[in-house]
Amino acid sequence: MKLYYSPGACSLSPHIVAIEAGIPLQLEKVDGKSKRTASGADFWLVNPKGYVPVLELDSGERLTEGPAIVQYLADLKPASGLVPANGTLPRYHLQEMLGYINSEIHKSYSPLFKLDTPEATRAERKEYLQRRYRFIEDVLVQQPYLLGDAFTVADAYLFTVTTWAKHVQLDLSGFPALLAYQQRVGERPAVREAMIAEGLIRDAA
């Protein structure tokens, strides 16, 4: 399988999940501005939506949207414990959390990365994100991961989007449990491996 990714983008989440689950992936880097892949392909032809991640299966079929991709990957390796079993209430709680991260946090960052976003809009989005992170903070005060004691695909997603805070000058100092969580997740071997592979951090060795 091949993962189309851009370094540090939301595609980092399925990259982390694949490593956590022990699933080998071929990586194809995508330039988000030119919409060209590292091999020179037109990314619009890969994904008409124009954004990563895209998971290309061995059959040639392609799957898009991070929350769908991470569940697909984790379901390939159920023993990994990265997702609860299909049809169970915990699985729906996982999807509930993925939906919250996707709609309320992930997409709220988007205007902050655009140079032409008015300052009033930036301020409003940052204030909105602070409110949405308050819910996450209240969860993490009670438990080490979003769904309890075990790391899941939802944690890979939250960790990924929250790394963006420093790039858009979003102050998260009021969320100590969240900051401790980011450090804890960032120290996981699979997370470090994915970030090193994408050039986001250096290999200490």
C-alpha atoms as a PDB file:
ATOM      1  CA  MET A   1       0.000   0.000   0.000  1.00  0.00           C
ATOM      2  CA  LYS A   2       1.038   3.579  -0.627  1.00  0.00           C
ATOM      3  CA  LEU A   3       0.345   6.636   1.524  1.00  0.00           C
ATOM      4  CA  TYR A   4       0.340  10.016  -0.160  1.00  0.00           C
ATOM      5  CA  TYR A   5       1.418  12.536   2.459  1.00  0.00           C
ATOM      6  CA  SER A   6       2.733  16.018   3.098  1.00  0.00           C
ATOM      7  CA  PRO A   7       5.171  16.423   6.006  1.00  0.00           C
ATOM      8  CA  GLY A   8       3.369  17.349   9.212  1.00  0.00           C
ATOM      9  CA  ALA A   9      -0.047  17.526   7.561  1.00  0.00           C
ATOM     10  CA  CYS A  10      -3.021  15.481   8.745  1.00  0.00           C
ATOM     11  CA  SER A  11      -1.536  12.558   6.790  1.00  0.00           C
ATOM     12  CA  LEU A  12       0.875  12.138   9.701  1.00  0.00           C
ATOM     13  CA  SER A  13      -1.998  10.491  11.579  1.00  0.00           C
ATOM     14  CA  PRO A  14      -2.392   7.418   9.304  1.00  0.00           C
ATOM     15  CA  HIS A  15       1.403   7.272   9.004  1.00  0.00           C
ATOM     16  CA  ILE A  16       1.606   6.894  12.788  1.00  0.00           C
ATOM     17  CA  VAL A  17      -1.214   4.345  12.836  1.00  0.00           C
ATOM     18  CA  ALA A  18       0.429   2.201  10.171  1.00  0.00           C
ATOM     19  CA  ILE A  19       3.677   2.046  12.154  1.00  0.00           C
ATOM     20  CA  GLU A  20       1.830   1.368  15.423  1.00  0.00           C
ATOM     21  CA  ALA A  21       0.019  -1.520  13.711  1.00  0.00           C
ATOM     22  CA  GLY A  22       3.132  -2.876  11.986  1.00  0.00           C
ATOM     23  CA  ILE A  23       1.801  -2.233   8.480  1.00  0.00           C
ATOM     24  CA  PRO A  24       4.486  -1.403   5.898  1.00  0.00           C
ATOM     25  CA  LEU A  25       3.630   1.519   3.628  1.00  0.00           C
ATOM     26  CA  GLN A  26       5.262   3.011   0.601  1.00  0.00           C
ATOM     27  CA  LEU A  27       5.369   6.782   1.046  1.00  0.00           C
ATOM     28  CA  GLU A  28       4.754   9.303  -1.734  1.00  0.00           C
ATOM     29  CA  LYS A  29       5.392  12.912  -0.774  1.00  0.00           C
ATOM     30  CA  VAL A  30       3.000  15.555  -2.108  1.00  0.00           C
ATOM     31  CA  ASP A  31       3.740  19.253  -2.561  1.00  0.00           C
ATOM     32  CA  GLY A  32       0.613  20.964  -1.293  1.00  0.00           C
ATOM     33  CA  LYS A  33       1.167  24.097  -3.365  1.00  0.00           C
ATOM     34  CA  SER A  34       2.107  22.670  -6.748  1.00  0.00           C
ATOM     35  CA  LYS A  35      -0.107  19.578  -6.308  1.00  0.00           C
ATOM     36  CA  ARG A  36       2.677  17.402  -7.672  1.00  0.00           C
ATOM     37  CA  THR A  37       3.987  14.236  -6.080  1.00  0.00           C
ATOM     38  CA  ALA A  38       7.653  13.446  -5.521  1.00  0.00           C
ATOM     39  CA  SER A  39       7.563  11.202  -8.597  1.00  0.00           C
ATOM     40  CA  GLY A  40       6.183  14.053 -10.701  1.00  0.00           C
ATOM     41  CA  ALA A  41       2.560  12.913 -10.873  1.00  0.00           C
ATOM     42  CA  ASP A  42      -0.357  15.333 -10.939  1.00  0.00           C
ATOM     43  CA  PHE A  43      -1.895  14.923  -7.499  1.00  0.00           C
ATOM     44  CA  TRP A  44      -5.279  16.139  -8.749  1.00  0.00           C
ATOM     45  CA  LEU A  45      -5.445  12.893 -10.716  1.00  0.00           C
ATOM     46  CA  VAL A  46      -4.701  10.924  -7.546  1.00  0.00           C
ATOM     47  CA  ASN A  47      -7.298  12.736  -5.444  1.00  0.00           C
ATOM     48  CA  PRO A  48      -9.731  15.154  -7.103  1.00  0.00           C
ATOM     49  CA  LYS A  49     -10.270  16.689  -3.649  1.00  0.00           C
ATOM     50  CA  GLY A  50      -6.701  17.954  -3.875  1.00  0.00           C
ATOM     51  CA  TYR A  51      -5.492  17.112  -0.388  1.00  0.00           C
ATOM     52  CA  VAL A  52      -3.772  14.395   1.611  1.00  0.00           C
ATOM     53  CA  PRO A  53      -3.996  11.770   2.951  1.00  0.00           C
ATOM     54  CA  VAL A  54      -4.688   9.218   0.261  1.00  0.00           C
ATOM     55  CA  LEU A  55      -4.180   5.519   0.863  1.00  0.00           C
ATOM     56  CA  GLU A  56      -3.664   3.547  -2.321  1.00  0.00           C
ATOM     57  CA  LEU A  57      -4.436  -0.123  -1.799  1.00  0.00           C
ATOM     58  CA  ASP A  58      -2.581  -2.950  -3.507  1.00  0.00           C
ATOM     59  CA  SER A  59      -5.623  -3.346  -5.771  1.00  0.00           C
ATOM     60  CA  GLY A  60      -5.157   0.239  -6.982  1.00  0.00           C
ATOM     61  CA  GLU A  61      -8.300   1.443  -5.234  1.00  0.00           C
ATOM     62  CA  ARG A  62      -7.832   4.627  -3.232  1.00  0.00           C
ATOM     63  CA  LEU A  63      -9.244   5.649   0.116  1.00  0.00           C
ATOM     64  CA  THR A  64      -9.350   9.282   1.257  1.00  0.00           C
ATOM     65  CA  GLU A  65     -10.195  11.155   4.464  1.00  0.00           C
ATOM     66  CA  GLY A  66      -8.010  10.564   7.500  1.00  0.00           C
ATOM     67  CA  PRO A  67     -10.678   9.241   9.897  1.00  0.00           C
ATOM     68  CA  ALA A  68     -11.670   6.567   7.374  1.00  0.00           C
ATOM     69  CA  ILE A  69      -8.074   5.646   6.554  1.00  0.00           C
ATOM     70  CA  VAL A  70      -6.954   5.212  10.168  1.00  0.00           C
ATOM     71  CA  GLN A  71      -9.898   2.923  10.915  1.00  0.00           C
ATOM     72  CA  TYR A  72      -9.207   0.882   7.802  1.00  0.00           C
ATOM     73  CA  LEU A  73      -5.543   0.440   8.712  1.00  0.00           C
ATOM     74  CA  ALA A  74      -6.287  -0.454  12.330  1.00  0.00           C
ATOM     75  CA  ASP A  75      -8.961  -2.954  11.297  1.00  0.00           C
ATOM     76  CA  LEU A  76      -6.320  -4.775   9.257  1.00  0.00           C
ATOM     77  CA  LYS A  77      -4.534  -5.489  12.546  1.00  0.00           C
ATOM     78  CA  PRO A  78      -7.252  -5.881  15.202  1.00  0.00           C
ATOM     79  CA  ALA A  79      -4.765  -7.309  17.699  1.00  0.00           C
ATOM     80  CA  SER A  80      -3.060  -3.896  17.770  1.00  0.00           C
ATOM     81  CA  GLY A  81      -5.927  -2.552  19.875  1.00  0.00           C
ATOM     82  CA  LEU A  82      -5.891   0.728  17.941  1.00  0.00           C
ATOM     83  CA  VAL A  83      -9.657   0.579  17.401  1.00  0.00           C
ATOM     84  CA  PRO A  84     -12.436  -1.119  19.346  1.00  0.00           C
ATOM     85  CA  ALA A  85     -14.287  -3.905  17.559  1.00  0.00           C
ATOM     86  CA  ASN A  86     -16.851  -2.930  14.937  1.00  0.00           C
ATOM     87  CA  GLY A  87     -20.426  -2.904  16.175  1.00  0.00           C
ATOM     88  CA  THR A  88     -19.501  -2.179  19.786  1.00  0.00           C
ATOM     89  CA  LEU A  89     -20.381   0.989  21.688  1.00  0.00           C
ATOM     90  CA  PRO A  90     -16.695   1.826  22.243  1.00  0.00           C
ATOM     91  CA  ARG A  91     -16.254   1.851  18.435  1.00  0.00           C
ATOM     92  CA  TYR A  92     -18.991   4.459  18.138  1.00  0.00           C
ATOM     93  CA  HIS A  93     -17.338   6.496  20.881  1.00  0.00           C
ATOM     94  CA  LEU A  94     -14.148   6.343  18.821  1.00  0.00           C
ATOM     95  CA  GLN A  95     -16.000   7.605  15.750  1.00  0.00           C
ATOM     96  CA  GLU A  96     -17.613  10.287  17.911  1.00  0.00           C
ATOM     97  CA  MET A  97     -14.154  11.503  18.938  1.00  0.00           C
ATOM     98  CA  LEU A  98     -12.768  11.313  15.393  1.00  0.00           C
ATOM     99  CA  GLY A  99     -15.722  13.387  14.204  1.00  0.00           C
ATOM    100  CA  TYR A 100     -15.127  15.995  16.900  1.00  0.00           C
ATOM    101  CA  ILE A 101     -11.431  16.309  16.082  1.00  0.00           C
ATOM    102  CA  ASN A 102     -12.169  16.483  12.368  1.00  0.00           C
ATOM    103  CA  SER A 103     -14.934  19.087  12.396  1.00  0.00           C
ATOM    104  CA  GLU A 104     -14.227  21.141  15.491  1.00  0.00           C
ATOM    105  CA  ILE A 105     -10.413  21.179  15.724  1.00  0.00           C
ATOM    106  CA  HIS A 106      -8.812  20.153  12.431  1.00  0.00           C
ATOM    107  CA  LYS A 107     -10.880  22.419  10.201  1.00  0.00           C
ATOM    108  CA  SER A 108     -10.664  25.335  12.625  1.00  0.00           C
ATOM    109  CA  TYR A 109      -6.919  25.500  12.023  1.00  0.00           C
ATOM    110  CA  SER A 110      -7.291  25.891   8.253  1.00  0.00           C
ATOM    111  CA  PRO A 111      -7.815  29.706   8.122  1.00  0.00           C
ATOM    112  CA  LEU A 112      -4.812  30.203  10.420  1.00  0.00           C
ATOM    113  CA  PHE A 113      -2.459  28.793   7.782  1.00  0.00           C
ATOM    114  CA  LYS A 114      -3.631  31.215   5.083  1.00  0.00           C
ATOM    115  CA  LEU A 115      -1.639  34.421   4.745  1.00  0.00           C
ATOM    116  CA  ASP A 116      -4.643  36.429   3.561  1.00  0.00           C
ATOM    117  CA  THR A 117      -6.878  35.544   6.515  1.00  0.00           C
ATOM    118  CA  PRO A 118      -7.989  38.787   8.239  1.00  0.00           C
ATOM    119  CA  GLU A 119      -6.740  39.318  11.774  1.00  0.00           C
ATOM    120  CA  ALA A 120     -10.292  39.384  13.119  1.00  0.00           C
ATOM    121  CA  THR A 121     -10.895  35.947  11.652  1.00  0.00           C
ATOM    122  CA  ARG A 122      -7.630  34.654  13.111  1.00  0.00           C
ATOM    123  CA  ALA A 123      -8.588  35.897  16.544  1.00  0.00           C
ATOM    124  CA  GLU A 124     -12.046  34.335  16.287  1.00  0.00           C
ATOM    125  CA  ARG A 125     -10.659  30.953  15.171  1.00  0.00           C
ATOM    126  CA  LYS A 126      -8.090  30.913  17.968  1.00  0.00           C
ATOM    127  CA  GLU A 127     -10.766  31.696  20.532  1.00  0.00           C
ATOM    128  CA  TYR A 128     -12.937  28.951  19.048  1.00  0.00           C
ATOM    129  CA  LEU A 129     -10.094  26.439  19.239  1.00  0.00           C
ATOM    130  CA  GLN A 130      -9.479  27.358  22.864  1.00  0.00           C
ATOM    131  CA  ARG A 131     -13.108  26.490  23.655  1.00  0.00           C
ATOM    132  CA  ARG A 132     -12.904  23.210  21.757  1.00  0.00           C
ATOM    133  CA  TYR A 133      -9.646  22.240  23.471  1.00  0.00           C
ATOM    134  CA  ARG A 134     -11.284  22.842  26.846  1.00  0.00           C
ATOM    135  CA  PHE A 135     -13.446  19.773  26.244  1.00  0.00           C
ATOM    136  CA  ILE A 136     -10.330  17.748  25.365  1.00  0.00           C
ATOM    137  CA  GLU A 137      -8.540  19.041  28.453  1.00  0.00           C
ATOM    138  CA  ASP A 138     -11.401  17.904  30.674  1.00  0.00           C
ATOM    139  CA  VAL A 139     -11.151  14.407  29.161  1.00  0.00           C
ATOM    140  CA  LEU A 140      -7.375  14.181  29.547  1.00  0.00           C
ATOM    141  CA  VAL A 141      -7.443  15.312  33.170  1.00  0.00           C
ATOM    142  CA  GLN A 142      -9.223  12.055  33.911  1.00  0.00           C
ATOM    143  CA  GLN A 143      -7.324   9.574  31.722  1.00  0.00           C
ATOM    144  CA  PRO A 144      -4.079   9.257  29.739  1.00  0.00           C
ATOM    145  CA  TYR A 145      -5.691   8.878  26.307  1.00  0.00           C
ATOM    146  CA  LEU A 146      -8.882  10.053  24.664  1.00  0.00           C
ATOM    147  CA  LEU A 147     -10.777   6.799  25.148  1.00  0.00           C
ATOM    148  CA  GLY A 148      -9.168   5.683  28.389  1.00  0.00           C
ATOM    149  CA  ASP A 149      -5.968   3.852  29.198  1.00  0.00           C
ATOM    150  CA  ALA A 150      -5.127   2.686  25.670  1.00  0.00           C
ATOM    151  CA  PHE A 151      -3.729   4.620  22.702  1.00  0.00           C
ATOM    152  CA  THR A 152      -6.094   4.576  19.708  1.00  0.00           C
ATOM    153  CA  VAL A 153      -6.295   6.066  16.234  1.00  0.00           C
ATOM    154  CA  ALA A 154      -8.087   9.066  17.748  1.00  0.00           C
ATOM    155  CA  ASP A 155      -4.928   9.878  19.691  1.00  0.00           C
ATOM    156  CA  ALA A 156      -2.834   9.774  16.526  1.00  0.00           C
ATOM    157  CA  TYR A 157      -5.240  12.279  14.975  1.00  0.00           C
ATOM    158  CA  LEU A 158      -5.429  14.651  17.941  1.00  0.00           C
ATOM    159  CA  PHE A 159      -1.669  14.614  18.411  1.00  0.00           C
ATOM    160  CA  THR A 160      -1.152  15.440  14.730  1.00  0.00           C
ATOM    161  CA  VAL A 161      -3.468  18.435  14.541  1.00  0.00           C
ATOM    162  CA  THR A 162      -2.342  19.784  17.906  1.00  0.00           C
ATOM    163  CA  THR A 163       1.274  19.951  16.707  1.00  0.00           C
ATOM    164  CA  TRP A 164       0.050  22.755  14.457  1.00  0.00           C
ATOM    165  CA  ALA A 165      -0.593  25.080  17.403  1.00  0.00           C
ATOM    166  CA  LYS A 166       2.983  26.318  17.564  1.00  0.00           C
ATOM    167  CA  HIS A 167       3.010  27.088  13.822  1.00  0.00           C
ATOM    168  CA  VAL A 168       0.001  29.411  14.115  1.00  0.00           C
ATOM    169  CA  GLN A 169       0.903  30.898  17.523  1.00  0.00           C
ATOM    170  CA  LEU A 170      -2.022  29.296  19.327  1.00  0.00           C
ATOM    171  CA  ASP A 171      -1.388  29.484  23.074  1.00  0.00           C
ATOM    172  CA  LEU A 172      -2.158  26.163  24.748  1.00  0.00           C
ATOM    173  CA  SER A 173      -0.488  26.991  28.065  1.00  0.00           C
ATOM    174  CA  GLY A 174      -3.872  26.920  29.780  1.00  0.00           C
ATOM    175  CA  PHE A 175      -4.214  23.211  29.047  1.00  0.00           C
ATOM    176  CA  PRO A 176      -1.581  21.376  31.135  1.00  0.00           C
ATOM    177  CA  ALA A 177      -3.143  17.932  30.654  1.00  0.00           C
ATOM    178  CA  LEU A 178      -3.160  18.447  26.892  1.00  0.00           C
ATOM    179  CA  LEU A 179       0.484  19.559  26.882  1.00  0.00           C
ATOM    180  CA  ALA A 180       1.505  16.547  28.983  1.00  0.00           C
ATOM    181  CA  TYR A 181      -0.459  14.352  26.568  1.00  0.00           C
ATOM    182  CA  GLN A 182       1.336  15.829  23.565  1.00  0.00           C
ATOM    183  CA  GLN A 183       4.672  15.071  25.158  1.00  0.00           C
ATOM    184  CA  ARG A 184       3.592  11.565  26.146  1.00  0.00           C
ATOM    185  CA  VAL A 185       2.304  10.696  22.674  1.00  0.00           C
ATOM    186  CA  GLY A 186       5.292  12.340  21.023  1.00  0.00           C
ATOM    187  CA  GLU A 187       7.616   9.994  22.899  1.00  0.00           C
ATOM    188  CA  ARG A 188       5.969   6.847  21.529  1.00  0.00           C
ATOM    189  CA  PRO A 189       8.434   4.990  19.274  1.00  0.00           C
ATOM    190  CA  ALA A 190       5.982   4.768  16.375  1.00  0.00           C
ATOM    191  CA  VAL A 191       5.238   8.472  16.567  1.00  0.00           C
ATOM    192  CA  ARG A 192       8.911   9.357  16.584  1.00  0.00           C
ATOM    193  CA  GLU A 193       9.558   7.000  13.675  1.00  0.00           C
ATOM    194  CA  ALA A 194       6.838   8.633  11.578  1.00  0.00           C
ATOM    195  CA  MET A 195       8.023  12.146  12.397  1.00  0.00           C
ATOM    196  CA  ILE A 196      11.624  11.285  11.606  1.00  0.00           C
ATOM    197  CA  ALA A 197      10.563   9.752   8.290  1.00  0.00           C
ATOM    198  CA  GLU A 198       8.719  12.964   7.387  1.00  0.00           C
ATOM    199  CA  GLY A 199      11.660  15.147   8.400  1.00  0.00           C
ATOM    200  CA  LEU A 200       9.797  16.765  11.277  1.00  0.00           C
ATOM    201  CA  ILE A 201      12.316  15.791  13.946  1.00  0.00           C
ATOM    202  CA  ARG A 202      15.835  14.434  13.906  1.00  0.00           C
ATOM    203  CA  ASP A 203      16.879  10.952  14.871  1.00  0.00           C
ATOM    204  CA  ALA A 204      18.666  11.303  18.214  1.00  0.00           C
ATOM    205  CA  ALA A 205      20.939   8.431  17.226  1.00  0.00           C
END
